[in-house]
Each structure stands twice: as structure tokens, then as C-alpha cells.
N, C-alpha and C. Protein backbone atom coordinates (compact mmCIF):
# COMPACT_ATOMS: atom_id res chain seq x y z
N UNK A 1 0.05 -11.45 10.45
CA UNK A 1 -0.22 -10.53 11.52
C UNK A 1 -1.44 -9.69 11.15
N UNK A 2 -2.35 -9.55 12.07
CA UNK A 2 -3.58 -8.82 11.81
C UNK A 2 -3.76 -7.69 12.82
N UNK A 3 -4.25 -6.55 12.32
CA UNK A 3 -4.58 -5.44 13.20
C UNK A 3 -5.91 -5.69 13.89
N UNK A 4 -6.12 -5.00 14.99
CA UNK A 4 -7.39 -5.10 15.70
C UNK A 4 -8.29 -3.94 15.35
N UNK A 5 -9.31 -3.71 16.15
CA UNK A 5 -10.20 -2.57 15.92
C UNK A 5 -9.44 -1.28 16.15
N UNK A 6 -9.76 -0.26 15.39
CA UNK A 6 -9.13 1.04 15.57
C UNK A 6 -7.87 1.20 14.74
N UNK A 7 -7.08 2.21 15.09
CA UNK A 7 -5.85 2.53 14.36
C UNK A 7 -4.71 1.67 14.90
N UNK A 8 -4.01 0.99 14.00
CA UNK A 8 -2.93 0.09 14.40
C UNK A 8 -1.63 0.44 13.70
N UNK A 9 -0.52 0.13 14.35
CA UNK A 9 0.79 0.11 13.72
C UNK A 9 1.28 -1.33 13.79
N UNK A 10 1.52 -1.92 12.62
CA UNK A 10 1.92 -3.32 12.55
C UNK A 10 3.27 -3.38 11.85
N UNK A 11 4.26 -3.95 12.52
CA UNK A 11 5.61 -4.05 11.97
C UNK A 11 5.93 -5.50 11.67
N UNK A 12 6.29 -5.77 10.42
CA UNK A 12 6.70 -7.11 10.04
C UNK A 12 8.05 -7.45 10.66
N UNK A 13 8.33 -8.72 10.74
CA UNK A 13 9.58 -9.18 11.31
C UNK A 13 10.54 -9.67 10.24
N UNK A 14 11.45 -10.54 10.62
CA UNK A 14 12.40 -11.12 9.69
C UNK A 14 11.67 -12.17 8.86
N UNK A 15 11.94 -12.20 7.57
CA UNK A 15 11.30 -13.17 6.69
C UNK A 15 10.13 -12.55 5.95
N UNK A 16 9.45 -13.38 5.19
CA UNK A 16 8.30 -12.93 4.40
C UNK A 16 7.09 -12.79 5.33
N UNK A 17 6.51 -11.60 5.36
CA UNK A 17 5.40 -11.32 6.27
C UNK A 17 4.10 -11.17 5.50
N UNK A 18 3.00 -11.52 6.16
CA UNK A 18 1.65 -11.28 5.66
C UNK A 18 0.97 -10.41 6.71
N UNK A 19 0.80 -9.12 6.40
CA UNK A 19 0.27 -8.15 7.35
C UNK A 19 -1.07 -7.63 6.84
N UNK A 20 -2.08 -7.63 7.70
CA UNK A 20 -3.41 -7.13 7.32
C UNK A 20 -3.90 -6.15 8.38
N UNK A 21 -4.21 -4.93 7.94
CA UNK A 21 -4.77 -3.93 8.84
C UNK A 21 -6.25 -4.17 9.06
N UNK A 22 -6.87 -3.26 9.80
CA UNK A 22 -8.30 -3.38 10.10
C UNK A 22 -9.04 -2.18 9.53
N UNK A 23 -10.16 -1.82 10.13
CA UNK A 23 -10.97 -0.71 9.64
C UNK A 23 -10.45 0.65 10.07
N UNK A 24 -9.41 0.73 10.85
CA UNK A 24 -8.87 2.01 11.29
C UNK A 24 -7.87 2.58 10.30
N UNK A 25 -7.26 3.69 10.69
CA UNK A 25 -6.19 4.31 9.90
C UNK A 25 -4.88 3.68 10.34
N UNK A 26 -4.46 2.66 9.62
CA UNK A 26 -3.35 1.81 10.04
C UNK A 26 -2.03 2.21 9.39
N UNK A 27 -0.95 1.82 10.06
CA UNK A 27 0.39 1.89 9.49
C UNK A 27 0.91 0.46 9.45
N UNK A 28 1.23 -0.02 8.25
CA UNK A 28 1.75 -1.37 8.08
C UNK A 28 3.14 -1.28 7.49
N UNK A 29 4.11 -1.86 8.18
CA UNK A 29 5.50 -1.81 7.74
C UNK A 29 6.01 -3.22 7.48
N UNK A 30 6.52 -3.44 6.28
CA UNK A 30 7.17 -4.70 5.96
C UNK A 30 8.61 -4.65 6.43
N UNK A 31 9.40 -5.57 5.92
CA UNK A 31 10.80 -5.61 6.27
C UNK A 31 11.58 -5.85 4.99
N UNK A 32 12.74 -6.45 5.09
CA UNK A 32 13.61 -6.59 3.93
C UNK A 32 13.32 -7.82 3.08
N UNK A 33 12.22 -8.45 3.25
CA UNK A 33 11.90 -9.63 2.45
C UNK A 33 10.66 -9.36 1.60
N UNK A 34 10.12 -10.40 1.02
CA UNK A 34 8.96 -10.28 0.13
C UNK A 34 7.69 -10.37 0.96
N UNK A 35 7.06 -9.22 1.19
CA UNK A 35 5.92 -9.14 2.10
C UNK A 35 4.62 -8.95 1.34
N UNK A 36 3.53 -9.38 1.97
CA UNK A 36 2.17 -9.11 1.50
C UNK A 36 1.54 -8.19 2.54
N UNK A 37 1.19 -6.98 2.10
CA UNK A 37 0.70 -5.95 3.02
C UNK A 37 -0.67 -5.47 2.57
N UNK A 38 -1.67 -5.66 3.41
CA UNK A 38 -3.05 -5.25 3.11
C UNK A 38 -3.48 -4.21 4.14
N UNK A 39 -3.88 -3.04 3.67
CA UNK A 39 -4.24 -1.98 4.59
C UNK A 39 -5.59 -2.16 5.26
N UNK A 40 -6.53 -2.81 4.60
CA UNK A 40 -7.88 -2.85 5.12
C UNK A 40 -8.55 -1.50 4.89
N UNK A 41 -9.73 -1.31 5.44
CA UNK A 41 -10.44 -0.03 5.28
C UNK A 41 -9.78 1.04 6.14
N UNK A 42 -9.96 2.28 5.75
CA UNK A 42 -9.38 3.40 6.49
C UNK A 42 -8.28 4.06 5.69
N UNK A 43 -7.78 5.18 6.18
CA UNK A 43 -6.68 5.90 5.54
C UNK A 43 -5.37 5.31 6.05
N UNK A 44 -4.75 4.48 5.24
CA UNK A 44 -3.61 3.69 5.68
C UNK A 44 -2.30 4.19 5.09
N UNK A 45 -1.22 3.94 5.82
CA UNK A 45 0.14 4.17 5.33
C UNK A 45 0.82 2.81 5.28
N UNK A 46 1.27 2.42 4.10
CA UNK A 46 1.87 1.10 3.93
C UNK A 46 3.28 1.26 3.37
N UNK A 47 4.26 0.72 4.08
CA UNK A 47 5.66 0.78 3.68
C UNK A 47 6.18 -0.65 3.52
N UNK A 48 6.60 -0.99 2.32
CA UNK A 48 7.04 -2.35 2.06
C UNK A 48 8.44 -2.66 2.53
N UNK A 49 9.34 -1.68 2.50
CA UNK A 49 10.74 -1.97 2.76
C UNK A 49 11.36 -2.64 1.55
N UNK A 50 12.58 -3.11 1.68
CA UNK A 50 13.23 -3.79 0.57
C UNK A 50 12.55 -5.13 0.31
N UNK A 51 12.71 -5.64 -0.89
CA UNK A 51 12.09 -6.90 -1.26
C UNK A 51 10.98 -6.67 -2.26
N UNK A 52 10.49 -7.75 -2.80
CA UNK A 52 9.42 -7.70 -3.80
C UNK A 52 8.09 -7.85 -3.08
N UNK A 53 7.45 -6.73 -2.80
CA UNK A 53 6.25 -6.71 -1.96
C UNK A 53 4.98 -6.61 -2.80
N UNK A 54 3.89 -7.14 -2.25
CA UNK A 54 2.56 -6.97 -2.82
C UNK A 54 1.76 -6.12 -1.84
N UNK A 55 1.30 -4.96 -2.31
CA UNK A 55 0.63 -3.99 -1.45
C UNK A 55 -0.79 -3.75 -1.97
N UNK A 56 -1.77 -3.97 -1.10
CA UNK A 56 -3.17 -3.68 -1.43
C UNK A 56 -3.68 -2.68 -0.41
N UNK A 57 -4.14 -1.53 -0.90
CA UNK A 57 -4.48 -0.44 0.00
C UNK A 57 -5.78 -0.68 0.76
N UNK A 58 -6.79 -1.17 0.14
CA UNK A 58 -8.09 -1.27 0.77
C UNK A 58 -8.87 0.01 0.57
N UNK A 59 -10.13 -0.01 0.95
CA UNK A 59 -10.99 1.17 0.78
C UNK A 59 -10.56 2.27 1.73
N UNK A 60 -10.50 3.48 1.23
CA UNK A 60 -10.16 4.63 2.09
C UNK A 60 -11.34 4.97 2.98
N UNK A 61 -11.09 5.81 3.94
CA UNK A 61 -12.11 6.21 4.91
C UNK A 61 -13.26 6.95 4.23
N UNK A 62 -14.44 6.77 4.78
CA UNK A 62 -15.60 7.53 4.30
C UNK A 62 -15.98 8.64 5.27
N UNK A 63 -15.17 8.83 6.31
CA UNK A 63 -15.42 9.89 7.28
C UNK A 63 -15.04 11.22 6.65
N UNK A 64 -15.94 12.20 6.59
CA UNK A 64 -15.65 13.46 5.89
C UNK A 64 -14.41 14.19 6.38
N UNK A 65 -14.06 14.10 7.65
CA UNK A 65 -12.89 14.82 8.18
C UNK A 65 -11.57 14.15 7.80
N UNK A 66 -11.61 12.90 7.33
CA UNK A 66 -10.39 12.20 6.97
C UNK A 66 -9.92 12.60 5.58
N UNK A 67 -8.69 12.24 5.26
CA UNK A 67 -8.09 12.60 3.97
C UNK A 67 -8.61 11.76 2.81
N UNK A 68 -9.22 10.62 3.10
CA UNK A 68 -9.72 9.71 2.07
C UNK A 68 -8.61 9.25 1.13
N UNK A 69 -7.48 8.88 1.69
CA UNK A 69 -6.41 8.38 0.85
C UNK A 69 -5.56 7.37 1.60
N UNK A 70 -4.84 6.58 0.82
CA UNK A 70 -3.87 5.64 1.33
C UNK A 70 -2.51 6.04 0.77
N UNK A 71 -1.48 6.03 1.61
CA UNK A 71 -0.12 6.35 1.18
C UNK A 71 0.67 5.05 1.07
N UNK A 72 1.18 4.76 -0.12
CA UNK A 72 1.83 3.48 -0.38
C UNK A 72 3.28 3.70 -0.81
N UNK A 73 4.19 2.93 -0.23
CA UNK A 73 5.59 2.98 -0.63
C UNK A 73 6.16 1.58 -0.52
N UNK A 74 6.47 0.99 -1.66
CA UNK A 74 6.99 -0.38 -1.67
C UNK A 74 8.46 -0.47 -1.32
N UNK A 75 9.21 0.62 -1.46
CA UNK A 75 10.64 0.57 -1.20
C UNK A 75 11.37 -0.13 -2.34
N UNK A 76 12.61 -0.51 -2.08
CA UNK A 76 13.42 -1.17 -3.11
C UNK A 76 12.83 -2.53 -3.45
N UNK A 77 12.92 -2.90 -4.71
CA UNK A 77 12.41 -4.19 -5.15
C UNK A 77 11.33 -4.03 -6.19
N UNK A 78 10.96 -5.13 -6.81
CA UNK A 78 9.91 -5.14 -7.83
C UNK A 78 8.58 -5.35 -7.12
N UNK A 79 7.90 -4.28 -6.80
CA UNK A 79 6.68 -4.32 -6.01
C UNK A 79 5.44 -4.36 -6.89
N UNK A 80 4.37 -4.92 -6.34
CA UNK A 80 3.06 -4.93 -7.00
C UNK A 80 2.11 -4.11 -6.14
N UNK A 81 1.49 -3.11 -6.75
CA UNK A 81 0.52 -2.26 -6.06
C UNK A 81 -0.87 -2.57 -6.60
N UNK A 82 -1.79 -2.94 -5.73
CA UNK A 82 -3.18 -3.12 -6.09
C UNK A 82 -3.94 -1.90 -5.59
N UNK A 83 -4.19 -0.97 -6.50
CA UNK A 83 -4.81 0.31 -6.16
C UNK A 83 -6.32 0.12 -6.13
N UNK A 84 -6.94 0.55 -5.03
CA UNK A 84 -8.38 0.34 -4.86
C UNK A 84 -9.15 1.64 -4.72
N UNK A 85 -8.46 2.77 -4.74
CA UNK A 85 -9.11 4.04 -4.50
C UNK A 85 -8.43 5.08 -5.38
N UNK A 86 -9.20 5.92 -6.02
CA UNK A 86 -8.61 6.90 -6.94
C UNK A 86 -7.76 7.95 -6.23
N UNK A 87 -7.81 8.04 -4.90
CA UNK A 87 -6.98 9.00 -4.19
C UNK A 87 -5.76 8.35 -3.53
N UNK A 88 -5.48 7.07 -3.83
CA UNK A 88 -4.28 6.43 -3.31
C UNK A 88 -3.04 7.13 -3.86
N UNK A 89 -2.01 7.23 -3.04
CA UNK A 89 -0.77 7.88 -3.45
C UNK A 89 0.37 6.88 -3.33
N UNK A 90 1.11 6.70 -4.42
CA UNK A 90 2.28 5.83 -4.42
C UNK A 90 3.51 6.72 -4.52
N UNK A 91 4.40 6.66 -3.52
CA UNK A 91 5.57 7.53 -3.52
C UNK A 91 6.83 6.83 -4.01
N UNK A 92 6.74 5.57 -4.38
CA UNK A 92 7.89 4.77 -4.80
C UNK A 92 8.12 4.86 -6.31
N UNK A 93 7.18 5.41 -7.05
CA UNK A 93 7.25 5.34 -8.51
C UNK A 93 7.97 6.53 -9.12
N UNK A 94 9.05 6.25 -9.78
CA UNK A 94 9.72 7.23 -10.63
C UNK A 94 10.10 6.50 -11.90
N UNK A 95 10.49 7.20 -12.92
CA UNK A 95 10.89 6.55 -14.17
C UNK A 95 12.03 5.59 -13.91
N UNK A 96 12.99 5.96 -13.08
CA UNK A 96 14.14 5.09 -12.83
C UNK A 96 13.74 3.84 -12.07
N UNK A 97 12.83 3.94 -11.08
CA UNK A 97 12.45 2.74 -10.34
C UNK A 97 11.55 1.84 -11.17
N UNK A 98 10.69 2.41 -11.98
CA UNK A 98 9.85 1.57 -12.83
C UNK A 98 10.69 0.75 -13.78
N UNK A 99 11.73 1.34 -14.35
CA UNK A 99 12.58 0.64 -15.30
C UNK A 99 13.48 -0.38 -14.61
N UNK A 100 14.10 0.01 -13.51
CA UNK A 100 15.08 -0.86 -12.86
C UNK A 100 14.44 -1.93 -11.99
N UNK A 101 13.38 -1.62 -11.31
CA UNK A 101 12.79 -2.54 -10.35
C UNK A 101 11.54 -3.23 -10.86
N UNK A 102 10.98 -2.76 -11.95
CA UNK A 102 9.79 -3.36 -12.55
C UNK A 102 8.59 -3.39 -11.61
N UNK A 103 8.30 -2.26 -10.99
CA UNK A 103 7.08 -2.15 -10.18
C UNK A 103 5.87 -2.29 -11.09
N UNK A 104 4.80 -2.86 -10.55
CA UNK A 104 3.55 -3.06 -11.29
C UNK A 104 2.42 -2.40 -10.52
N UNK A 105 1.57 -1.66 -11.23
CA UNK A 105 0.41 -1.03 -10.60
C UNK A 105 -0.84 -1.57 -11.27
N UNK A 106 -1.71 -2.19 -10.46
CA UNK A 106 -2.99 -2.71 -10.95
C UNK A 106 -4.10 -1.76 -10.53
N UNK A 107 -4.88 -1.29 -11.51
CA UNK A 107 -5.98 -0.36 -11.24
C UNK A 107 -7.34 -1.04 -11.28
N UNK A 108 -7.39 -2.35 -11.29
CA UNK A 108 -8.65 -3.05 -11.51
C UNK A 108 -9.69 -2.78 -10.44
N UNK A 109 -9.29 -2.34 -9.25
CA UNK A 109 -10.25 -2.07 -8.19
C UNK A 109 -10.76 -0.66 -8.16
N UNK A 110 -10.48 0.13 -9.19
CA UNK A 110 -10.87 1.54 -9.17
C UNK A 110 -11.80 1.86 -10.33
N UNK A 111 -12.45 3.00 -10.22
CA UNK A 111 -13.20 3.55 -11.35
C UNK A 111 -12.70 4.97 -11.57
N UNK A 112 -12.74 5.42 -12.79
CA UNK A 112 -12.34 6.79 -13.09
C UNK A 112 -10.85 7.01 -13.11
N UNK A 113 -10.07 5.95 -13.15
CA UNK A 113 -8.61 6.07 -13.17
C UNK A 113 -8.11 5.78 -14.56
N UNK A 114 -7.13 6.49 -15.00
CA UNK A 114 -6.49 6.19 -16.28
C UNK A 114 -5.00 6.43 -16.13
N UNK A 115 -4.18 5.85 -16.99
CA UNK A 115 -2.74 6.06 -16.87
C UNK A 115 -2.33 7.53 -16.90
N UNK A 116 -3.13 8.40 -17.49
CA UNK A 116 -2.77 9.81 -17.53
C UNK A 116 -2.87 10.48 -16.16
N UNK A 117 -3.47 9.79 -15.19
CA UNK A 117 -3.58 10.34 -13.84
C UNK A 117 -2.27 10.18 -13.09
N UNK A 118 -1.41 9.28 -13.52
CA UNK A 118 -0.14 9.04 -12.85
C UNK A 118 0.77 10.23 -13.10
N UNK A 119 1.25 10.86 -12.02
CA UNK A 119 2.15 12.01 -12.16
C UNK A 119 3.41 11.78 -11.35
């Protein structure tokens, strides 16, 4: 499923979904399976739902009035986060979820990020 021009809300269905946003400020929602969610450019909100999801935020907005961030939440499951912007926010990470669910965060698409930035 792909978003169009502008701000989109894209909801995954039953089964494994592949959702890709566009250049707007998108909301991408997975479901209870193993989803691939790509925000595209813009300030995106990505919710994986249950399942082992792969979430890639995309470049945040360059418009000065925007927040310049992506909000990511994989939900239950062993999720993979591909962080592409130093202002991305992951709300799914706690010590208990990292240990129990084995979430993975890849910082390869960023500059100026270090593990000490994770709070």
C-alpha cells in the first residue's frame, strides 16, 4: 500500500503488510502481523501493532514550521527500527521490552547519533 501526494493515513489489513508513505506528514498503521512500514519523507507517525515489524522512518521534514521528527512505535513483538534522522522518537523501547522482545535499532542512516543519546 502506498500513500499519495500530501498527508496520508494508511492502515494495514489482515496479514503481513508493506506500507509506504509519501512526502507528506503521514500516519502508517500496521496490524497484528509482521509488517514493513516506511514513512517516506515528512514528519511521520508509524505504529507497527503486534508482530515483528520493520520500521523505516524516512527523512523528516525540512519545513521550518514542522517538528522535524518521526514518531515510531513498533508495538508488541521483536521490531527492527531503521533510524534515519537524529530527531526520530521511538516510544516502544524500555529495558523490559528490549530484553523480552529483542527490538533492534539501526542507526546507520544517521550522523551525530551515539548510544548515549538513547534515553
